[in-house]
Amino acid sequence: MKDLYEHMGFRGGGVITLVGAGGKTTLMFRLARELSAIDGPVLTTTTTKIYRPGPDDSPQVIVSASAEEVLARSSCILETSRHVTAGAGFLEEQGKLTGFEPEDIRQLRDAGLFKWILVEADGAAHRSLKAPADHEPVVPDCTRWLVVLVGLDAIGRPLDGRRVFRPEQYSRITGLAIGERVTEESAALAILHEQGMMKGCPAGAIRYVFFNKAEDPVARRTGRKTAEVLLDRAVGRLHAVFIGTARGDTRKTERIDFSGVDPCEQSEVSS
């Protein structure tokens, strides 16, 4: 059975940036475990904030605002471990690591110490869907893959703050009124809109959407229907859609490609 990273076509190393809502952290650490076991070394980090991971997700955590110090300490750690998580600071009252600036991510990548750098670049306050604020997401310009996450449990439910982060902004960019049913069409628009979840993606990056929480046939049908809307509207803007669960069996993760061209051979990001 393929690991999820293989199914998603991650190979050759680089920066994978995760945005959106509904499973970014879970997916990031799953990919980190797989890649570090087979194809490391791996750095997991953020340009926003993430909860400090426990040892099951990341055995080694570095807190330092200096990219140089992160690299120096990681060099020692990687003698015995293939996965490191780093944050610029730690908010003890929240239990969260704070993020690096995008230029720090470039510096960490350019050092060549890590084959893979996974970056959580968006916040969603545990909601399953979102529309970004003006300052979000914080996407490094050296991103090779951008993965937009959407939790399928928000589609078909009322547009409110229980499942959607920044529902008023979601309403503004989709035209859906607060309290109305979140439609597949509105979810697609929240991804593709110039002020939507793909905002700030580098022109040469490979762009994926991962519909998470596809835990039953109804959710899978919702994912496929939303993917069909994207297929109609996202010509040249997306490479593939995945429908599955960030924690689940890779064999149950459906992949829908938007072209027959291998996106990994086309990826060109700012050097």
C-alpha atoms as a PDB file:
ATOM      1  CA  MET A   1       0.000   0.000   0.000  1.00  0.00           C
ATOM      2  CA  LYS A   2       1.262   3.459  -0.891  1.00  0.00           C
ATOM      3  CA  ASP A   3       1.883   5.992   1.819  1.00  0.00           C
ATOM      4  CA  LEU A   4      -0.182   9.146   1.496  1.00  0.00           C
ATOM      5  CA  TYR A   5       2.851  11.205   0.476  1.00  0.00           C
ATOM      6  CA  GLU A   6       3.377   8.897  -2.511  1.00  0.00           C
ATOM      7  CA  HIS A   7      -0.297   9.044  -3.458  1.00  0.00           C
ATOM      8  CA  MET A   8      -0.086  12.836  -3.412  1.00  0.00           C
ATOM      9  CA  GLY A   9       2.999  12.826  -5.610  1.00  0.00           C
ATOM     10  CA  PHE A  10       5.461  14.409  -3.206  1.00  0.00           C
ATOM     11  CA  ARG A  11       8.948  13.571  -4.379  1.00  0.00           C
ATOM     12  CA  GLY A  12      12.276  15.277  -4.816  1.00  0.00           C
ATOM     13  CA  GLY A  13      12.051  17.429  -1.702  1.00  0.00           C
ATOM     14  CA  GLY A  14      11.014  21.020  -1.142  1.00  0.00           C
ATOM     15  CA  VAL A  15       8.552  23.168   0.770  1.00  0.00           C
ATOM     16  CA  ILE A  16       4.975  21.938   1.241  1.00  0.00           C
ATOM     17  CA  THR A  17       2.661  24.668   2.526  1.00  0.00           C
ATOM     18  CA  LEU A  18      -0.742  23.860   4.038  1.00  0.00           C
ATOM     19  CA  VAL A  19      -3.577  26.399   4.152  1.00  0.00           C
ATOM     20  CA  GLY A  20      -7.341  26.381   4.644  1.00  0.00           C
ATOM     21  CA  ALA A  21      -9.208  24.628   7.439  1.00  0.00           C
ATOM     22  CA  GLY A  22     -10.233  21.251   8.746  1.00  0.00           C
ATOM     23  CA  GLY A  23      -7.103  19.182   9.279  1.00  0.00           C
ATOM     24  CA  LYS A  24      -3.917  21.066   8.378  1.00  0.00           C
ATOM     25  CA  THR A  25      -1.974  20.068  11.484  1.00  0.00           C
ATOM     26  CA  THR A  26      -3.087  16.438  11.327  1.00  0.00           C
ATOM     27  CA  LEU A  27      -2.096  16.162   7.681  1.00  0.00           C
ATOM     28  CA  MET A  28       1.198  17.954   8.217  1.00  0.00           C
ATOM     29  CA  PHE A  29       2.382  15.592  10.936  1.00  0.00           C
ATOM     30  CA  ARG A  30       1.137  12.519   9.090  1.00  0.00           C
ATOM     31  CA  LEU A  31       3.155  13.498   6.022  1.00  0.00           C
ATOM     32  CA  ALA A  32       6.136  14.301   8.243  1.00  0.00           C
ATOM     33  CA  ARG A  33       6.049  10.834   9.807  1.00  0.00           C
ATOM     34  CA  GLU A  34       5.884   9.169   6.407  1.00  0.00           C
ATOM     35  CA  LEU A  35       8.554  11.315   4.770  1.00  0.00           C
ATOM     36  CA  SER A  36      10.959  11.114   7.703  1.00  0.00           C
ATOM     37  CA  ALA A  37      10.663   7.324   7.773  1.00  0.00           C
ATOM     38  CA  ILE A  38      11.462   6.937   4.082  1.00  0.00           C
ATOM     39  CA  ASP A  39      12.746  10.153   2.576  1.00  0.00           C
ATOM     40  CA  GLY A  40      13.805  12.598   5.323  1.00  0.00           C
ATOM     41  CA  PRO A  41      15.096  14.670   6.981  1.00  0.00           C
ATOM     42  CA  VAL A  42      11.963  16.742   7.655  1.00  0.00           C
ATOM     43  CA  LEU A  43      11.255  20.083   9.318  1.00  0.00           C
ATOM     44  CA  THR A  44       7.705  20.933  10.393  1.00  0.00           C
ATOM     45  CA  THR A  45       7.024  24.561  11.202  1.00  0.00           C
ATOM     46  CA  THR A  46       4.618  27.463  10.769  1.00  0.00           C
ATOM     47  CA  THR A  47       4.323  31.049   9.591  1.00  0.00           C
ATOM     48  CA  THR A  48       1.358  31.574  11.938  1.00  0.00           C
ATOM     49  CA  LYS A  49       0.844  29.523  15.124  1.00  0.00           C
ATOM     50  CA  ILE A  50       0.498  25.814  15.852  1.00  0.00           C
ATOM     51  CA  TYR A  51       0.067  23.844  19.042  1.00  0.00           C
ATOM     52  CA  ARG A  52       3.361  22.523  20.321  1.00  0.00           C
ATOM     53  CA  PRO A  53       3.388  18.888  19.181  1.00  0.00           C
ATOM     54  CA  GLY A  54       3.712  15.980  21.549  1.00  0.00           C
ATOM     55  CA  PRO A  55       6.354  13.276  21.117  1.00  0.00           C
ATOM     56  CA  ASP A  56       4.060  11.099  19.000  1.00  0.00           C
ATOM     57  CA  ASP A  57       3.862  13.839  16.372  1.00  0.00           C
ATOM     58  CA  SER A  58       7.364  15.242  16.682  1.00  0.00           C
ATOM     59  CA  PRO A  59      10.090  13.812  18.922  1.00  0.00           C
ATOM     60  CA  GLN A  60      12.210  16.974  18.759  1.00  0.00           C
ATOM     61  CA  VAL A  61      11.061  20.599  19.118  1.00  0.00           C
ATOM     62  CA  ILE A  62      13.251  23.692  18.801  1.00  0.00           C
ATOM     63  CA  VAL A  63      12.128  27.139  19.919  1.00  0.00           C
ATOM     64  CA  SER A  64      14.272  29.949  18.537  1.00  0.00           C
ATOM     65  CA  ALA A  65      13.631  33.085  16.496  1.00  0.00           C
ATOM     66  CA  SER A  66      17.000  32.633  14.783  1.00  0.00           C
ATOM     67  CA  ALA A  67      17.038  30.524  11.631  1.00  0.00           C
ATOM     68  CA  GLU A  68      20.779  30.091  12.120  1.00  0.00           C
ATOM     69  CA  GLU A  69      20.246  28.631  15.599  1.00  0.00           C
ATOM     70  CA  VAL A  70      17.489  26.338  14.331  1.00  0.00           C
ATOM     71  CA  LEU A  71      19.882  25.021  11.695  1.00  0.00           C
ATOM     72  CA  ALA A  72      22.751  24.576  14.164  1.00  0.00           C
ATOM     73  CA  ARG A  73      20.623  22.712  16.701  1.00  0.00           C
ATOM     74  CA  SER A  74      18.919  20.658  14.010  1.00  0.00           C
ATOM     75  CA  SER A  75      22.275  19.556  12.634  1.00  0.00           C
ATOM     76  CA  CYS A  76      22.998  17.853  15.960  1.00  0.00           C
ATOM     77  CA  ILE A  77      19.487  16.431  16.365  1.00  0.00           C
ATOM     78  CA  LEU A  78      19.484  14.935  12.869  1.00  0.00           C
ATOM     79  CA  GLU A  79      22.364  12.671  13.819  1.00  0.00           C
ATOM     80  CA  THR A  80      19.814  10.530  15.693  1.00  0.00           C
ATOM     81  CA  SER A  81      16.406  11.730  14.466  1.00  0.00           C
ATOM     82  CA  ARG A  82      15.001  12.545  11.027  1.00  0.00           C
ATOM     83  CA  HIS A  83      12.209  14.921  12.064  1.00  0.00           C
ATOM     84  CA  VAL A  84      12.382  18.275  13.841  1.00  0.00           C
ATOM     85  CA  THR A  85       9.659  20.830  14.599  1.00  0.00           C
ATOM     86  CA  ALA A  86      10.662  24.463  15.048  1.00  0.00           C
ATOM     87  CA  GLY A  87       8.897  27.631  16.136  1.00  0.00           C
ATOM     88  CA  ALA A  88      10.149  31.175  16.525  1.00  0.00           C
ATOM     89  CA  GLY A  89       8.649  31.413  20.013  1.00  0.00           C
ATOM     90  CA  PHE A  90       6.342  29.698  22.477  1.00  0.00           C
ATOM     91  CA  LEU A  91       3.136  31.113  23.962  1.00  0.00           C
ATOM     92  CA  GLU A  92       2.932  29.138  27.180  1.00  0.00           C
ATOM     93  CA  GLU A  93      -0.611  30.220  28.058  1.00  0.00           C
ATOM     94  CA  GLN A  94      -1.853  28.993  24.672  1.00  0.00           C
ATOM     95  CA  GLY A  95       0.519  26.058  24.317  1.00  0.00           C
ATOM     96  CA  LYS A  96       1.404  27.286  20.844  1.00  0.00           C
ATOM     97  CA  LEU A  97       4.558  27.757  18.825  1.00  0.00           C
ATOM     98  CA  THR A  98       4.750  31.046  16.957  1.00  0.00           C
ATOM     99  CA  GLY A  99       5.760  31.242  13.341  1.00  0.00           C
ATOM    100  CA  PHE A 100       8.688  32.329  11.242  1.00  0.00           C
ATOM    101  CA  GLU A 101       8.685  34.986   8.556  1.00  0.00           C
ATOM    102  CA  PRO A 102       8.525  33.694   4.960  1.00  0.00           C
ATOM    103  CA  GLU A 103      12.116  34.802   4.361  1.00  0.00           C
ATOM    104  CA  ASP A 104      13.204  32.601   7.284  1.00  0.00           C
ATOM    105  CA  ILE A 105      11.572  29.610   5.586  1.00  0.00           C
ATOM    106  CA  ARG A 106      13.584  30.385   2.465  1.00  0.00           C
ATOM    107  CA  GLN A 107      16.767  30.557   4.538  1.00  0.00           C
ATOM    108  CA  LEU A 108      15.971  27.218   6.162  1.00  0.00           C
ATOM    109  CA  ARG A 109      15.314  25.677   2.767  1.00  0.00           C
ATOM    110  CA  ASP A 110      18.397  27.159   1.113  1.00  0.00           C
ATOM    111  CA  ALA A 111      20.650  25.737   3.831  1.00  0.00           C
ATOM    112  CA  GLY A 112      19.979  22.274   2.399  1.00  0.00           C
ATOM    113  CA  LEU A 113      19.864  20.570   5.795  1.00  0.00           C
ATOM    114  CA  PHE A 114      16.260  19.409   5.377  1.00  0.00           C
ATOM    115  CA  LYS A 115      15.015  17.598   2.306  1.00  0.00           C
ATOM    116  CA  TRP A 116      11.440  18.480   3.254  1.00  0.00           C
ATOM    117  CA  ILE A 117       9.989  21.528   4.991  1.00  0.00           C
ATOM    118  CA  LEU A 118       6.280  21.378   5.857  1.00  0.00           C
ATOM    119  CA  VAL A 119       4.711  24.725   6.744  1.00  0.00           C
ATOM    120  CA  GLU A 120       1.322  25.396   8.306  1.00  0.00           C
ATOM    121  CA  ALA A 121       0.577  28.859   6.929  1.00  0.00           C
ATOM    122  CA  ASP A 122      -3.000  29.519   7.997  1.00  0.00           C
ATOM    123  CA  GLY A 123      -5.177  29.458  11.101  1.00  0.00           C
ATOM    124  CA  ALA A 124      -8.779  28.297  11.399  1.00  0.00           C
ATOM    125  CA  ALA A 125      -9.508  27.978  15.140  1.00  0.00           C
ATOM    126  CA  HIS A 126     -10.540  24.314  14.753  1.00  0.00           C
ATOM    127  CA  ARG A 127     -13.225  25.140  12.175  1.00  0.00           C
ATOM    128  CA  SER A 128     -13.692  23.048   9.032  1.00  0.00           C
ATOM    129  CA  LEU A 129     -13.939  25.864   6.492  1.00  0.00           C
ATOM    130  CA  LYS A 130     -12.723  29.441   6.306  1.00  0.00           C
ATOM    131  CA  ALA A 131     -12.210  32.618   4.352  1.00  0.00           C
ATOM    132  CA  PRO A 132      -8.883  34.328   4.984  1.00  0.00           C
ATOM    133  CA  ALA A 133      -8.386  37.752   6.522  1.00  0.00           C
ATOM    134  CA  ASP A 134      -6.313  40.343   4.683  1.00  0.00           C
ATOM    135  CA  HIS A 135      -3.082  39.114   6.317  1.00  0.00           C
ATOM    136  CA  GLU A 136      -3.760  35.418   5.617  1.00  0.00           C
ATOM    137  CA  PRO A 137      -2.442  33.003   4.549  1.00  0.00           C
ATOM    138  CA  VAL A 138       1.284  33.626   5.049  1.00  0.00           C
ATOM    139  CA  VAL A 139       2.675  31.568   2.161  1.00  0.00           C
ATOM    140  CA  PRO A 140       6.465  31.400   1.645  1.00  0.00           C
ATOM    141  CA  ASP A 141       7.470  32.317  -1.898  1.00  0.00           C
ATOM    142  CA  CYS A 142       9.659  29.198  -2.035  1.00  0.00           C
ATOM    143  CA  THR A 143       6.603  26.926  -1.721  1.00  0.00           C
ATOM    144  CA  ARG A 144       6.763  24.017  -4.168  1.00  0.00           C
ATOM    145  CA  TRP A 145       3.377  22.524  -3.237  1.00  0.00           C
ATOM    146  CA  LEU A 146       0.367  24.361  -1.826  1.00  0.00           C
ATOM    147  CA  VAL A 147      -2.282  22.143  -0.214  1.00  0.00           C
ATOM    148  CA  VAL A 148      -5.679  23.733   0.534  1.00  0.00           C
ATOM    149  CA  LEU A 149      -7.669  21.802   3.145  1.00  0.00           C
ATOM    150  CA  VAL A 150     -11.454  21.846   3.449  1.00  0.00           C
ATOM    151  CA  GLY A 151     -13.432  19.859   6.024  1.00  0.00           C
ATOM    152  CA  LEU A 152     -16.421  18.320   4.253  1.00  0.00           C
ATOM    153  CA  ASP A 153     -18.538  18.390   7.409  1.00  0.00           C
ATOM    154  CA  ALA A 154     -19.033  22.154   6.928  1.00  0.00           C
ATOM    155  CA  ILE A 155     -20.653  21.785   3.498  1.00  0.00           C
ATOM    156  CA  GLY A 156     -24.413  21.454   3.687  1.00  0.00           C
ATOM    157  CA  ARG A 157     -24.548  23.086   7.121  1.00  0.00           C
ATOM    158  CA  PRO A 158     -25.559  26.680   7.932  1.00  0.00           C
ATOM    159  CA  LEU A 159     -22.976  29.393   7.375  1.00  0.00           C
ATOM    160  CA  ASP A 160     -22.084  30.404  10.918  1.00  0.00           C
ATOM    161  CA  GLY A 161     -19.142  30.583  13.277  1.00  0.00           C
ATOM    162  CA  ARG A 162     -19.506  27.044  14.565  1.00  0.00           C
ATOM    163  CA  ARG A 163     -18.034  25.419  11.472  1.00  0.00           C
ATOM    164  CA  VAL A 164     -16.741  28.331   9.395  1.00  0.00           C
ATOM    165  CA  PHE A 165     -13.889  30.585  10.502  1.00  0.00           C
ATOM    166  CA  ARG A 166     -14.525  34.222   9.569  1.00  0.00           C
ATOM    167  CA  PRO A 167     -18.082  33.574   8.319  1.00  0.00           C
ATOM    168  CA  GLU A 168     -18.676  37.246   7.486  1.00  0.00           C
ATOM    169  CA  GLN A 169     -15.670  37.225   5.145  1.00  0.00           C
ATOM    170  CA  TYR A 170     -16.882  33.931   3.669  1.00  0.00           C
ATOM    171  CA  SER A 171     -20.227  35.615   3.021  1.00  0.00           C
ATOM    172  CA  ARG A 172     -18.546  38.593   1.339  1.00  0.00           C
ATOM    173  CA  ILE A 173     -16.478  36.591  -1.124  1.00  0.00           C
ATOM    174  CA  THR A 174     -19.105  33.939  -1.938  1.00  0.00           C
ATOM    175  CA  GLY A 175     -22.329  35.949  -1.780  1.00  0.00           C
ATOM    176  CA  LEU A 176     -23.833  33.416   0.621  1.00  0.00           C
ATOM    177  CA  ALA A 177     -25.838  34.969   3.447  1.00  0.00           C
ATOM    178  CA  ILE A 178     -25.115  34.163   7.085  1.00  0.00           C
ATOM    179  CA  GLY A 179     -27.340  31.248   8.085  1.00  0.00           C
ATOM    180  CA  GLU A 180     -27.767  29.936   4.555  1.00  0.00           C
ATOM    181  CA  ARG A 181     -26.662  26.410   3.688  1.00  0.00           C
ATOM    182  CA  VAL A 182     -22.994  26.198   2.682  1.00  0.00           C
ATOM    183  CA  THR A 183     -23.094  24.910  -0.881  1.00  0.00           C
ATOM    184  CA  GLU A 184     -20.516  23.052  -2.918  1.00  0.00           C
ATOM    185  CA  GLU A 185     -20.398  26.050  -5.256  1.00  0.00           C
ATOM    186  CA  SER A 186     -19.622  28.454  -2.413  1.00  0.00           C
ATOM    187  CA  ALA A 187     -16.855  26.181  -1.095  1.00  0.00           C
ATOM    188  CA  ALA A 188     -15.275  26.089  -4.555  1.00  0.00           C
ATOM    189  CA  LEU A 189     -15.484  29.879  -4.782  1.00  0.00           C
ATOM    190  CA  ALA A 190     -13.917  30.256  -1.329  1.00  0.00           C
ATOM    191  CA  ILE A 191     -10.957  28.279  -2.667  1.00  0.00           C
ATOM    192  CA  LEU A 192     -10.600  29.998  -6.047  1.00  0.00           C
ATOM    193  CA  HIS A 193     -11.575  33.610  -5.310  1.00  0.00           C
ATOM    194  CA  GLU A 194      -8.725  36.125  -5.482  1.00  0.00           C
ATOM    195  CA  GLN A 195      -9.336  36.738  -1.776  1.00  0.00           C
ATOM    196  CA  GLY A 196      -9.864  33.045  -1.080  1.00  0.00           C
ATOM    197  CA  MET A 197      -7.822  30.244   0.402  1.00  0.00           C
ATOM    198  CA  MET A 198      -5.276  30.032  -2.441  1.00  0.00           C
ATOM    199  CA  LYS A 199      -4.389  33.710  -2.049  1.00  0.00           C
ATOM    200  CA  GLY A 200      -0.656  34.340  -2.171  1.00  0.00           C
ATOM    201  CA  CYS A 201       0.255  31.050  -3.843  1.00  0.00           C
ATOM    202  CA  PRO A 202       3.482  31.399  -5.873  1.00  0.00           C
ATOM    203  CA  ALA A 203       2.858  31.207  -9.607  1.00  0.00           C
ATOM    204  CA  GLY A 204       4.997  28.119 -10.134  1.00  0.00           C
ATOM    205  CA  ALA A 205       3.720  26.057  -7.207  1.00  0.00           C
ATOM    206  CA  ILE A 206       1.773  22.820  -7.585  1.00  0.00           C
ATOM    207  CA  ARG A 207      -1.723  23.416  -6.203  1.00  0.00           C
ATOM    208  CA  TYR A 208      -3.768  20.686  -4.522  1.00  0.00           C
ATOM    209  CA  VAL A 209      -7.080  20.642  -2.673  1.00  0.00           C
ATOM    210  CA  PHE A 210      -7.584  18.017   0.049  1.00  0.00           C
ATOM    211  CA  PHE A 211     -11.224  17.458   1.021  1.00  0.00           C
ATOM    212  CA  ASN A 212     -10.873  16.041   4.519  1.00  0.00           C
ATOM    213  CA  LYS A 213     -13.329  14.198   6.779  1.00  0.00           C
ATOM    214  CA  ALA A 214     -14.710  12.059   3.946  1.00  0.00           C
ATOM    215  CA  GLU A 215     -15.711   9.467   6.519  1.00  0.00           C
ATOM    216  CA  ASP A 216     -18.929   8.165   4.960  1.00  0.00           C
ATOM    217  CA  PRO A 217     -20.557   7.856   1.506  1.00  0.00           C
ATOM    218  CA  VAL A 218     -22.502  11.104   1.924  1.00  0.00           C
ATOM    219  CA  ALA A 219     -19.334  13.085   2.645  1.00  0.00           C
ATOM    220  CA  ARG A 220     -17.564  11.441  -0.284  1.00  0.00           C
ATOM    221  CA  ARG A 221     -20.393  12.424  -2.621  1.00  0.00           C
ATOM    222  CA  THR A 222     -20.138  15.977  -1.326  1.00  0.00           C
ATOM    223  CA  GLY A 223     -16.415  15.938  -2.016  1.00  0.00           C
ATOM    224  CA  ARG A 224     -16.918  14.661  -5.561  1.00  0.00           C
ATOM    225  CA  LYS A 225     -19.622  17.228  -6.281  1.00  0.00           C
ATOM    226  CA  THR A 226     -17.388  20.052  -5.052  1.00  0.00           C
ATOM    227  CA  ALA A 227     -14.508  18.652  -7.100  1.00  0.00           C
ATOM    228  CA  GLU A 228     -16.747  18.742 -10.189  1.00  0.00           C
ATOM    229  CA  VAL A 229     -17.386  22.443  -9.593  1.00  0.00           C
ATOM    230  CA  LEU A 230     -13.650  23.007  -9.304  1.00  0.00           C
ATOM    231  CA  LEU A 231     -13.023  21.066 -12.521  1.00  0.00           C
ATOM    232  CA  ASP A 232     -15.358  23.462 -14.329  1.00  0.00           C
ATOM    233  CA  ARG A 233     -13.867  26.622 -12.850  1.00  0.00           C
ATOM    234  CA  ALA A 234     -10.214  25.937 -12.066  1.00  0.00           C
ATOM    235  CA  VAL A 235      -8.713  25.173 -15.473  1.00  0.00           C
ATOM    236  CA  GLY A 236      -4.990  25.836 -15.194  1.00  0.00           C
ATOM    237  CA  ARG A 237      -5.234  26.750 -11.512  1.00  0.00           C
ATOM    238  CA  LEU A 238      -5.300  23.346  -9.782  1.00  0.00           C
ATOM    239  CA  HIS A 239      -3.353  20.168 -10.374  1.00  0.00           C
ATOM    240  CA  ALA A 240      -5.340  17.642  -8.322  1.00  0.00           C
ATOM    241  CA  VAL A 241      -8.065  17.151  -5.730  1.00  0.00           C
ATOM    242  CA  PHE A 242      -7.967  14.518  -2.988  1.00  0.00           C
ATOM    243  CA  ILE A 243     -11.011  13.211  -1.125  1.00  0.00           C
ATOM    244  CA  GLY A 244     -10.263  11.267   2.041  1.00  0.00           C
ATOM    245  CA  THR A 245      -9.280  11.608   5.674  1.00  0.00           C
ATOM    246  CA  ALA A 246      -6.015  12.995   6.976  1.00  0.00           C
ATOM    247  CA  ARG A 247      -5.818  10.120   9.461  1.00  0.00           C
ATOM    248  CA  GLY A 248      -7.310   7.409   7.268  1.00  0.00           C
ATOM    249  CA  ASP A 249      -6.314   4.598   4.942  1.00  0.00           C
ATOM    250  CA  THR A 250      -4.527   5.877   1.844  1.00  0.00           C
ATOM    251  CA  ARG A 251      -6.415   3.301  -0.234  1.00  0.00           C
ATOM    252  CA  LYS A 252      -9.623   5.184   0.566  1.00  0.00           C
ATOM    253  CA  THR A 253      -8.200   8.539  -0.510  1.00  0.00           C
ATOM    254  CA  GLU A 254      -9.528   9.357  -3.961  1.00  0.00           C
ATOM    255  CA  ARG A 255      -7.355  11.396  -6.321  1.00  0.00           C
ATOM    256  CA  ILE A 256      -8.812  13.444  -9.181  1.00  0.00           C
ATOM    257  CA  ASP A 257      -6.199  14.906 -11.532  1.00  0.00           C
ATOM    258  CA  PHE A 258      -6.921  18.074 -13.459  1.00  0.00           C
ATOM    259  CA  SER A 259      -4.603  17.179 -16.344  1.00  0.00           C
ATOM    260  CA  GLY A 260      -2.594  14.261 -17.656  1.00  0.00           C
ATOM    261  CA  VAL A 261       0.694  16.078 -17.106  1.00  0.00           C
ATOM    262  CA  ASP A 262       2.838  15.118 -14.131  1.00  0.00           C
ATOM    263  CA  PRO A 263       2.804  18.295 -12.006  1.00  0.00           C
ATOM    264  CA  CYS A 264       6.064  17.366 -10.288  1.00  0.00           C
ATOM    265  CA  GLU A 265       7.881  17.788 -13.585  1.00  0.00           C
ATOM    266  CA  GLN A 266       6.408  21.264 -14.056  1.00  0.00           C
ATOM    267  CA  SER A 267       7.034  22.765 -10.643  1.00  0.00           C
ATOM    268  CA  GLU A 268       9.190  25.867 -10.795  1.00  0.00           C
ATOM    269  CA  VAL A 269       9.343  28.141  -7.789  1.00  0.00           C
ATOM    270  CA  SER A 270      11.432  31.187  -7.100  1.00  0.00           C
ATOM    271  CA  SER A 271      15.054  30.142  -6.651  1.00  0.00           C
END
